[in-house]
Each structure stands twice: as C-alpha cells, then as structure tokens.
Amino acid sequence: MNINRDHLHQASAQGLMSEEQAEQLWLFLKEQQKDTPGFHFTHVLYYLGGLIAIGAMSLFMTLGWERFGGWGLFFIALGYAGAGLWLTGYFLRRSLPIPAGNVAAFVVVLTPLAVYGLQVALGWWAEGRVYRDYHRYIDWRWLMMQFATLAVGAAMLWRYRLPFLVMPVAVTLWYMSMDLALYLFPDTALTWEIRKWVSMWFGLLMVLLAFWVDVRTRHTQDFAFWLYLFGVIAFWGGLSLMQSDSEWKKFIYLCINLGMIGVGAALARRVFVVFGGLGAAGYLGYLAYNVFQNSMLFPFVLTALGLGVIYLGILWQRNEAALNRHLRGWLPLPLQELLDRRQTH
C-alpha cells in the first residue's frame, strides 16, 4: 500500500483528521521510510556504491592481482574485511542501516578471495584456475570457498541482522547448485539434462528456504527477498530449459507458471509473477506458432480468455474481503500474519 501526502490531505478535507495532524502523520511516515529500501536517489547511490565495491573484488577482479601471490591476496582480503567491519559498526552507530548492509555484504564477498589466497599460499590449489574464474566457470573446486562464504554470511547475519547480507549468501547458494552437480556426477555422466534437473530442484529448495525465512521474520525486516529471487531464477530456468514432445507436459508447465503467478500475488512477491508471466507467455507463443499456426479461431479464443480473466479479476475485487477471510481461516496463524504483513506493503 502506497500512501502519499495527497492521500492525507484528502483525509483531512473529509474531516477524518485535522490539517495539522495530517502534516505530522506525513512527517512521521516519511521518517519511518527513510531507512526502508526503495527507489530513492539516496538509496540508489548507496546500492550503486556498494555494488561497485563488491564487483571490484569479485566479478571485475583482474588477472594482475595474481601477482600478489597467495599470502598477498589473503592479507589484502583480511585488511579489507577489517575495514569493512569497522565501517559497518560506524554506519550502524549513526543509524544508517542501508550503507551498513552494503559494507557488511562486501565483507562476506571477500571470503572466497581470502580462502583462495590461503589455498594458493599453502600449495593446496590445483593449476589451471585463477580466482577470476570463480565467477565465470563451473568447477567443483570452488566448493570450499562457497562453504566458507556461507559460514561467514551466517555469522554476519547473526551479528548484524541486516537484510542485504542475504544477497551474497543467495548468490553463493546459486553458484553451489551448479558446482555441486559437477562434484556429484563425473564429467561423463553430467549431461545437460542432469544440470537442468539439479538447477530446478535446488531452486525449489531455495524457494522453500526463503518461505521459511519469510515466516520466521514476518514481524521484522525482509530477509527473504534475495533467496526468493535466486531460488526462482534457478527453479524456473531449469524448468523452462527442459524439452518435451508431450503436450500434456507442456500444459503442466503452463499450470506451474500460473501457480507461480498465484503464489506471487498471495505473498506480494513480484519475482514469481514476472517469471510465471514469462512462462505463460512462452506457452501461448508455442500454441500460436506451432499448434494453431493455421487456425483462424485461436486469436478469438485467446481474446475471449483474456477478457474472461479480466472479468474474474472484477469479481474477485468485489468479494475480496470475504474471500480472503474465508481462505485465510484455513491457514495457520503464522502464515496469516505473514500474508497480512505482505499485503500491507
């Protein structure tokens, strides 16, 4: 629910509150929202700066850094991490949680570099891979770096309770889903088909983890966003890349995507709606260009279906309150509280 100043002035004009109360309430709401992530210029600068710093030590790492050697990389990572921890505390003491979360995430992102440097220094790293490849190639040798990153991320989340810290954890889980497949199956057995199945099931597990986190943190900040994002990407990507000559399986694919749209609407999670919509549109495109390419009736039927969906939306809007009360009565209390909180945002 988006409330702006005009809404409060309209409430004042209708006698629901005085003009002074409307202005005081607006100042209060504005103060409450200043530290809530949103599309504000200040927040854009915060995240842009944080992502540039994170990218410098991950995606945009140059080969020149290999000249520092293992111990050099290890101590540089530790030095940066120490500075990042100090800045995190500094920002939190000044009530700046968003830049604090960006810097704390930067500390977590340094973990793979520190582990890589230590492995190189101790002679435990095999030839043929450099740190820059960590973000470019799938390789089971990255697993030690990923487990260490998850451990550091969990420790930082326990210490600071900053939602943006979940971002490097979610990315690491996404990477791990691909590298684990290479570790569990030898090169001769790891077919493209198996990779798609691993991605789909790992993504589903990540979505379930996100839902569990969402329920557990329903009264606090949004810690589940990044888990939902990368979980849906992994699940939907693996599912959509699968090939099938069965029309029933393609129809089941449509139903799964429609289900994702429903879940996204219920939880107010746009990522489900976006990818579910893409999948449904892809299926309709398949029908138009492959199954009914010579049909004159298909566009008319599709138009009628679209208008029917709009009419269904009108009926739902008219009876939304009663339907919500009836449906939510079947749900456990924690899930009811989660849906109530999500629907108010």
Protein backbone atom coordinates (compact mmCIF):
# COMPACT_ATOMS: atom_id res chain seq x y z
CA MET A 1 0.00 0.00 0.00
CA ASN A 2 1.48 3.34 -1.12
CA ILE A 3 0.46 6.40 0.89
CA ASN A 4 1.48 9.85 -0.27
CA ARG A 5 0.89 13.33 1.05
CA ASP A 6 -2.17 13.87 -1.17
CA HIS A 7 -3.95 10.94 0.48
CA LEU A 8 -3.50 12.53 3.90
CA HIS A 9 -4.70 15.91 2.64
CA GLN A 10 -7.80 14.22 1.18
CA ALA A 11 -8.44 12.56 4.54
CA SER A 12 -8.13 15.98 6.18
CA ALA A 13 -10.53 17.50 3.67
CA GLN A 14 -13.10 14.82 4.52
CA GLY A 15 -12.83 15.61 8.21
CA LEU A 16 -11.06 12.42 9.23
CA MET A 17 -8.21 14.41 10.75
CA SER A 18 -7.06 17.99 11.04
CA GLU A 19 -4.61 19.56 8.62
CA GLU A 20 -2.01 19.72 11.38
CA GLN A 21 -2.47 16.02 12.19
CA ALA A 22 -2.14 15.14 8.51
CA GLU A 23 1.16 17.03 8.28
CA GLN A 24 2.51 15.46 11.47
CA LEU A 25 1.49 11.98 10.29
CA TRP A 26 3.20 12.59 6.95
CA LEU A 27 6.44 13.64 8.67
CA PHE A 28 6.24 10.55 10.88
CA LEU A 29 5.71 8.18 7.92
CA LYS A 30 8.49 9.88 5.96
CA GLU A 31 10.88 9.40 8.88
CA GLN A 32 9.91 5.73 9.18
CA GLN A 33 10.51 5.11 5.48
CA LYS A 34 13.93 6.76 5.21
CA ASP A 35 15.75 3.54 6.14
CA THR A 36 13.43 1.23 4.20
CA PRO A 37 14.99 0.16 0.88
CA GLY A 38 13.24 1.84 -2.02
CA PHE A 39 13.79 3.65 -5.28
CA HIS A 40 15.06 6.87 -3.74
CA PHE A 41 18.06 8.76 -5.10
CA THR A 42 19.97 8.39 -1.84
CA HIS A 43 19.32 4.65 -1.76
CA VAL A 44 20.35 4.33 -5.43
CA LEU A 45 23.68 5.94 -4.54
CA TYR A 46 24.08 3.60 -1.55
CA TYR A 47 23.48 0.46 -3.60
CA LEU A 48 25.43 1.68 -6.62
CA GLY A 49 28.49 2.36 -4.48
CA GLY A 50 28.12 -0.94 -2.65
CA LEU A 51 27.76 -2.95 -5.85
CA ILE A 52 30.77 -1.22 -7.42
CA ALA A 53 32.91 -2.13 -4.39
CA ILE A 54 31.55 -5.69 -4.37
CA GLY A 55 32.13 -6.05 -8.11
CA ALA A 56 35.70 -4.77 -7.78
CA MET A 57 36.57 -7.72 -5.52
CA SER A 58 34.55 -10.32 -7.43
CA LEU A 59 33.25 -10.00 -11.00
CA PHE A 60 35.74 -7.33 -12.08
CA MET A 61 38.84 -8.76 -10.43
CA THR A 62 41.78 -8.51 -12.86
CA LEU A 63 44.48 -11.10 -13.54
CA GLY A 64 47.05 -8.60 -12.31
CA TRP A 65 46.08 -9.41 -8.73
CA GLU A 66 47.58 -12.89 -9.13
CA ARG A 67 51.00 -11.19 -8.86
CA PHE A 68 50.39 -10.59 -5.17
CA GLY A 69 50.63 -14.33 -4.59
CA GLY A 70 48.62 -16.40 -2.14
CA TRP A 71 49.67 -14.69 1.05
CA GLY A 72 49.31 -11.26 -0.52
CA LEU A 73 45.72 -11.96 -1.60
CA PHE A 74 44.91 -13.47 1.80
CA PHE A 75 46.14 -10.49 3.82
CA ILE A 76 44.65 -7.94 1.41
CA ALA A 77 41.26 -9.65 1.85
CA LEU A 78 41.68 -9.64 5.64
CA GLY A 79 42.65 -5.95 5.60
CA TYR A 80 39.64 -5.02 3.50
CA ALA A 81 37.40 -7.16 5.73
CA GLY A 82 38.67 -5.43 8.85
CA ALA A 83 37.98 -2.02 7.32
CA GLY A 84 34.54 -3.22 6.22
CA LEU A 85 33.66 -4.42 9.72
CA TRP A 86 34.73 -1.09 11.19
CA LEU A 87 32.63 0.81 8.63
CA THR A 88 29.63 -1.44 9.32
CA GLY A 89 29.76 -0.57 13.01
CA TYR A 90 30.37 3.10 12.20
CA PHE A 91 27.28 3.33 9.97
CA LEU A 92 25.09 1.44 12.43
CA ARG A 93 26.10 3.77 15.27
CA ARG A 94 24.89 6.64 13.10
CA SER A 95 21.58 4.91 12.24
CA LEU A 96 22.47 4.25 8.58
CA PRO A 97 21.42 0.60 8.10
CA ILE A 98 21.42 0.57 4.28
CA PRO A 99 25.10 1.59 3.77
CA ALA A 100 25.95 -0.64 6.76
CA GLY A 101 24.31 -3.58 4.97
CA ASN A 102 26.20 -2.83 1.75
CA VAL A 103 29.56 -2.74 3.52
CA ALA A 104 28.74 -5.88 5.54
CA ALA A 105 27.88 -7.70 2.30
CA PHE A 106 31.22 -6.53 0.90
CA VAL A 107 32.94 -8.29 3.85
CA VAL A 108 31.14 -11.56 3.01
CA VAL A 109 32.10 -11.25 -0.67
CA LEU A 110 35.78 -11.08 0.36
CA THR A 111 35.60 -14.60 1.82
CA PRO A 112 36.22 -16.51 -1.44
CA LEU A 113 39.26 -14.34 -2.17
CA ALA A 114 40.68 -14.97 1.31
CA VAL A 115 40.15 -18.74 1.04
CA TYR A 116 41.63 -18.82 -2.46
CA GLY A 117 44.71 -16.87 -1.32
CA LEU A 118 45.20 -19.19 1.65
CA GLN A 119 44.87 -22.30 -0.52
CA VAL A 120 47.39 -20.94 -3.02
CA ALA A 121 49.81 -19.97 -0.25
CA LEU A 122 49.66 -23.45 1.29
CA GLY A 123 50.04 -25.16 -2.08
CA TRP A 124 46.55 -26.68 -1.98
CA TRP A 125 45.34 -25.12 -5.21
CA ALA A 126 45.47 -27.05 -8.47
CA GLU A 127 46.87 -25.46 -11.62
CA GLY A 128 44.58 -24.26 -14.37
CA ARG A 129 42.23 -21.97 -12.45
CA VAL A 130 42.62 -18.44 -11.08
CA TYR A 131 40.36 -16.50 -8.73
CA ARG A 132 38.79 -14.54 -11.56
CA ASP A 133 37.34 -17.80 -12.93
CA TYR A 134 35.25 -18.25 -9.77
CA HIS A 135 32.53 -16.05 -11.26
CA ARG A 136 32.94 -17.32 -14.83
CA TYR A 137 33.21 -21.12 -14.85
CA ILE A 138 31.52 -24.03 -13.11
CA ASP A 139 34.10 -26.04 -11.16
CA TRP A 140 33.71 -28.31 -8.12
CA ARG A 141 36.97 -26.88 -6.69
CA TRP A 142 35.06 -23.73 -5.74
CA LEU A 143 33.06 -25.63 -3.09
CA MET A 144 35.47 -24.93 -0.21
CA MET A 145 35.26 -21.21 -0.98
CA GLN A 146 31.46 -21.42 -1.10
CA PHE A 147 31.10 -23.28 2.20
CA ALA A 148 33.35 -20.70 3.86
CA THR A 149 31.28 -17.86 2.36
CA LEU A 150 28.06 -19.39 3.70
CA ALA A 151 29.61 -19.73 7.16
CA VAL A 152 30.83 -16.11 7.19
CA GLY A 153 27.47 -14.92 5.82
CA ALA A 154 25.59 -16.78 8.56
CA ALA A 155 27.89 -15.32 11.22
CA MET A 156 27.45 -11.78 9.86
CA LEU A 157 23.66 -12.19 9.71
CA TRP A 158 23.63 -13.42 13.31
CA ARG A 159 25.75 -10.46 14.39
CA TYR A 160 24.21 -7.58 12.40
CA ARG A 161 20.68 -8.62 11.26
CA LEU A 162 20.97 -6.64 8.01
CA PRO A 163 18.77 -7.91 5.11
CA PHE A 164 21.26 -7.09 2.32
CA LEU A 165 23.64 -9.65 3.84
CA VAL A 166 21.37 -12.34 2.40
CA MET A 167 22.36 -11.27 -1.13
CA PRO A 168 25.89 -12.81 -1.18
CA VAL A 169 24.50 -15.87 0.64
CA ALA A 170 21.81 -16.34 -2.03
CA VAL A 171 24.31 -15.86 -4.87
CA THR A 172 26.66 -18.39 -3.25
CA LEU A 173 23.84 -20.94 -2.95
CA TRP A 174 23.06 -20.38 -6.63
CA TYR A 175 26.69 -20.93 -7.59
CA MET A 176 26.83 -24.01 -5.35
CA SER A 177 23.87 -25.60 -7.14
CA MET A 178 25.90 -25.64 -10.36
CA ASP A 179 29.25 -26.64 -8.82
CA LEU A 180 27.74 -29.43 -6.71
CA ALA A 181 26.33 -31.04 -9.83
CA LEU A 182 29.84 -31.22 -11.26
CA TYR A 183 31.13 -32.67 -7.98
CA LEU A 184 28.39 -35.30 -7.59
CA PHE A 185 28.50 -36.53 -11.18
CA PRO A 186 31.65 -37.30 -13.19
CA ASP A 187 32.15 -35.44 -16.45
CA THR A 188 30.94 -38.43 -18.46
CA ALA A 189 27.66 -38.66 -16.50
CA LEU A 190 26.91 -34.95 -16.07
CA THR A 191 24.69 -34.32 -19.07
CA TRP A 192 22.92 -31.10 -19.85
CA GLU A 193 19.68 -32.80 -18.83
CA ILE A 194 21.02 -33.55 -15.33
CA ARG A 195 22.20 -29.96 -14.94
CA LYS A 196 18.66 -28.74 -15.63
CA TRP A 197 17.17 -31.12 -13.06
CA VAL A 198 19.74 -30.08 -10.44
CA SER A 199 19.01 -26.41 -11.09
CA MET A 200 15.26 -26.95 -10.81
CA TRP A 201 15.33 -28.94 -7.56
CA PHE A 202 17.98 -26.75 -5.94
CA GLY A 203 15.97 -23.67 -6.87
CA LEU A 204 12.84 -25.19 -5.36
CA LEU A 205 14.72 -25.92 -2.12
CA MET A 206 15.96 -22.33 -2.05
CA VAL A 207 12.40 -21.04 -2.52
CA LEU A 208 11.21 -23.22 0.37
CA LEU A 209 14.09 -21.88 2.48
CA ALA A 210 13.05 -18.34 1.53
CA PHE A 211 9.47 -19.08 2.58
CA TRP A 212 10.66 -20.45 5.92
CA VAL A 213 12.79 -17.32 6.46
CA ASP A 214 9.82 -15.18 5.41
CA VAL A 215 7.58 -16.77 8.05
CA ARG A 216 10.24 -16.60 10.76
CA THR A 217 10.99 -12.91 10.11
CA ARG A 218 7.42 -11.80 9.36
CA HIS A 219 7.49 -9.23 12.18
CA THR A 220 10.87 -7.73 11.22
CA GLN A 221 12.66 -6.72 8.02
CA ASP A 222 12.54 -8.52 4.67
CA PHE A 223 15.31 -11.13 4.84
CA ALA A 224 13.79 -13.44 2.22
CA PHE A 225 13.91 -11.25 -0.91
CA TRP A 226 17.26 -12.39 -2.30
CA LEU A 227 16.58 -16.06 -1.54
CA TYR A 228 13.30 -15.82 -3.43
CA LEU A 229 14.99 -14.08 -6.36
CA PHE A 230 17.80 -16.56 -6.97
CA GLY A 231 15.66 -19.54 -5.99
CA VAL A 232 13.04 -18.64 -8.59
CA ILE A 233 15.74 -17.99 -11.22
CA ALA A 234 17.30 -21.42 -10.63
CA PHE A 235 13.93 -23.24 -10.48
CA TRP A 236 12.29 -21.51 -13.43
CA GLY A 237 15.47 -21.58 -15.54
CA GLY A 238 15.92 -25.34 -15.10
CA LEU A 239 12.22 -25.99 -15.68
CA SER A 240 11.97 -23.80 -18.80
CA LEU A 241 15.06 -25.29 -20.46
CA MET A 242 13.64 -28.80 -20.35
CA GLN A 243 12.48 -30.20 -23.68
CA SER A 244 9.40 -32.35 -24.14
CA ASP A 245 7.37 -33.65 -27.08
CA SER A 246 4.36 -34.27 -24.82
CA GLU A 247 1.56 -31.74 -25.00
CA TRP A 248 0.46 -32.75 -21.50
CA LYS A 249 3.87 -31.93 -20.07
CA LYS A 250 3.81 -28.56 -21.81
CA PHE A 251 0.36 -27.93 -20.32
CA ILE A 252 1.69 -28.87 -16.87
CA TYR A 253 4.47 -26.31 -17.46
CA LEU A 254 1.76 -23.70 -18.07
CA CYS A 255 -0.05 -24.71 -14.88
CA ILE A 256 3.16 -24.40 -12.85
CA ASN A 257 3.71 -20.90 -14.20
CA LEU A 258 0.12 -19.91 -13.45
CA GLY A 259 0.64 -21.30 -9.96
CA MET A 260 3.75 -19.12 -9.61
CA ILE A 261 1.64 -16.07 -10.52
CA GLY A 262 -0.87 -17.03 -7.83
CA VAL A 263 1.85 -17.54 -5.22
CA GLY A 264 3.43 -14.23 -6.16
CA ALA A 265 0.10 -12.42 -5.80
CA ALA A 266 -0.60 -14.06 -2.41
CA LEU A 267 2.86 -13.33 -1.00
CA ALA A 268 3.25 -9.98 -2.79
CA ARG A 269 6.47 -11.27 -4.35
CA ARG A 270 6.84 -9.84 -7.85
CA VAL A 271 9.60 -12.27 -8.86
CA PHE A 272 7.08 -15.13 -9.01
CA VAL A 273 4.67 -13.06 -11.08
CA VAL A 274 7.35 -11.89 -13.53
CA PHE A 275 8.80 -15.33 -14.26
CA GLY A 276 5.38 -17.02 -14.14
CA GLY A 277 4.12 -14.48 -16.66
CA LEU A 278 7.11 -15.11 -18.92
CA GLY A 279 6.48 -18.86 -18.79
CA ALA A 280 2.76 -18.48 -19.52
CA ALA A 281 3.51 -16.11 -22.41
CA GLY A 282 6.05 -18.60 -23.76
CA TYR A 283 3.46 -21.39 -23.72
CA LEU A 284 0.88 -19.22 -25.51
CA GLY A 285 3.52 -18.32 -28.09
CA TYR A 286 4.19 -22.04 -28.61
CA LEU A 287 0.46 -22.63 -29.21
CA ALA A 288 0.24 -19.71 -31.65
CA TYR A 289 3.32 -20.57 -33.71
CA ASN A 290 3.31 -24.36 -33.55
CA VAL A 291 -0.02 -25.91 -32.62
CA PHE A 292 -2.56 -23.43 -34.02
CA GLN A 293 -0.44 -21.63 -36.59
CA ASN A 294 -3.08 -22.11 -39.33
CA SER A 295 -6.10 -21.62 -37.08
CA MET A 296 -8.46 -18.69 -37.61
CA LEU A 297 -10.22 -19.18 -34.28
CA PHE A 298 -7.22 -19.19 -31.94
CA PRO A 299 -6.84 -15.37 -31.68
CA PHE A 300 -10.58 -15.04 -30.96
CA VAL A 301 -10.48 -17.75 -28.30
CA LEU A 302 -7.41 -16.17 -26.73
CA THR A 303 -9.09 -12.75 -26.70
CA ALA A 304 -12.16 -14.23 -25.02
CA LEU A 305 -9.93 -15.95 -22.48
CA GLY A 306 -8.16 -12.66 -21.70
CA LEU A 307 -11.47 -10.84 -21.22
CA GLY A 308 -12.66 -13.70 -19.01
CA VAL A 309 -9.60 -13.30 -16.81
CA ILE A 310 -10.32 -9.57 -16.52
CA TYR A 311 -13.93 -10.34 -15.52
CA LEU A 312 -12.65 -12.83 -12.95
CA GLY A 313 -10.49 -10.04 -11.53
CA ILE A 314 -13.54 -7.78 -11.24
CA LEU A 315 -15.47 -10.48 -9.37
CA TRP A 316 -12.52 -11.06 -7.07
CA GLN A 317 -12.21 -7.34 -6.30
CA ARG A 318 -15.90 -7.10 -5.41
CA ASN A 319 -15.69 -10.03 -2.99
CA GLU A 320 -12.03 -9.82 -2.00
CA ALA A 321 -12.51 -9.13 1.70
CA ALA A 322 -14.96 -12.01 2.23
CA LEU A 323 -12.91 -14.43 0.12
CA ASN A 324 -9.70 -13.51 1.95
CA ARG A 325 -11.33 -14.06 5.33
CA HIS A 326 -12.69 -17.43 4.24
CA LEU A 327 -9.47 -18.68 2.65
CA ARG A 328 -7.15 -17.43 5.39
CA GLY A 329 -9.29 -19.11 8.00
CA TRP A 330 -7.84 -22.42 6.79
CA LEU A 331 -4.25 -21.25 7.24
CA PRO A 332 -2.09 -21.48 10.40
CA LEU A 333 -1.70 -18.22 12.35
CA PRO A 334 1.97 -17.54 11.37
CA LEU A 335 1.06 -17.77 7.68
CA GLN A 336 -1.94 -15.50 8.19
CA GLU A 337 0.30 -12.92 9.85
CA LEU A 338 2.81 -13.18 7.00
CA LEU A 339 0.14 -12.63 4.33
CA ASP A 340 -1.36 -9.70 6.26
CA ARG A 341 2.05 -8.06 6.54
CA ARG A 342 2.95 -8.64 2.89
CA GLN A 343 -0.39 -7.31 1.64
CA THR A 344 0.10 -4.03 3.52
CA HIS A 345 3.39 -3.28 1.70
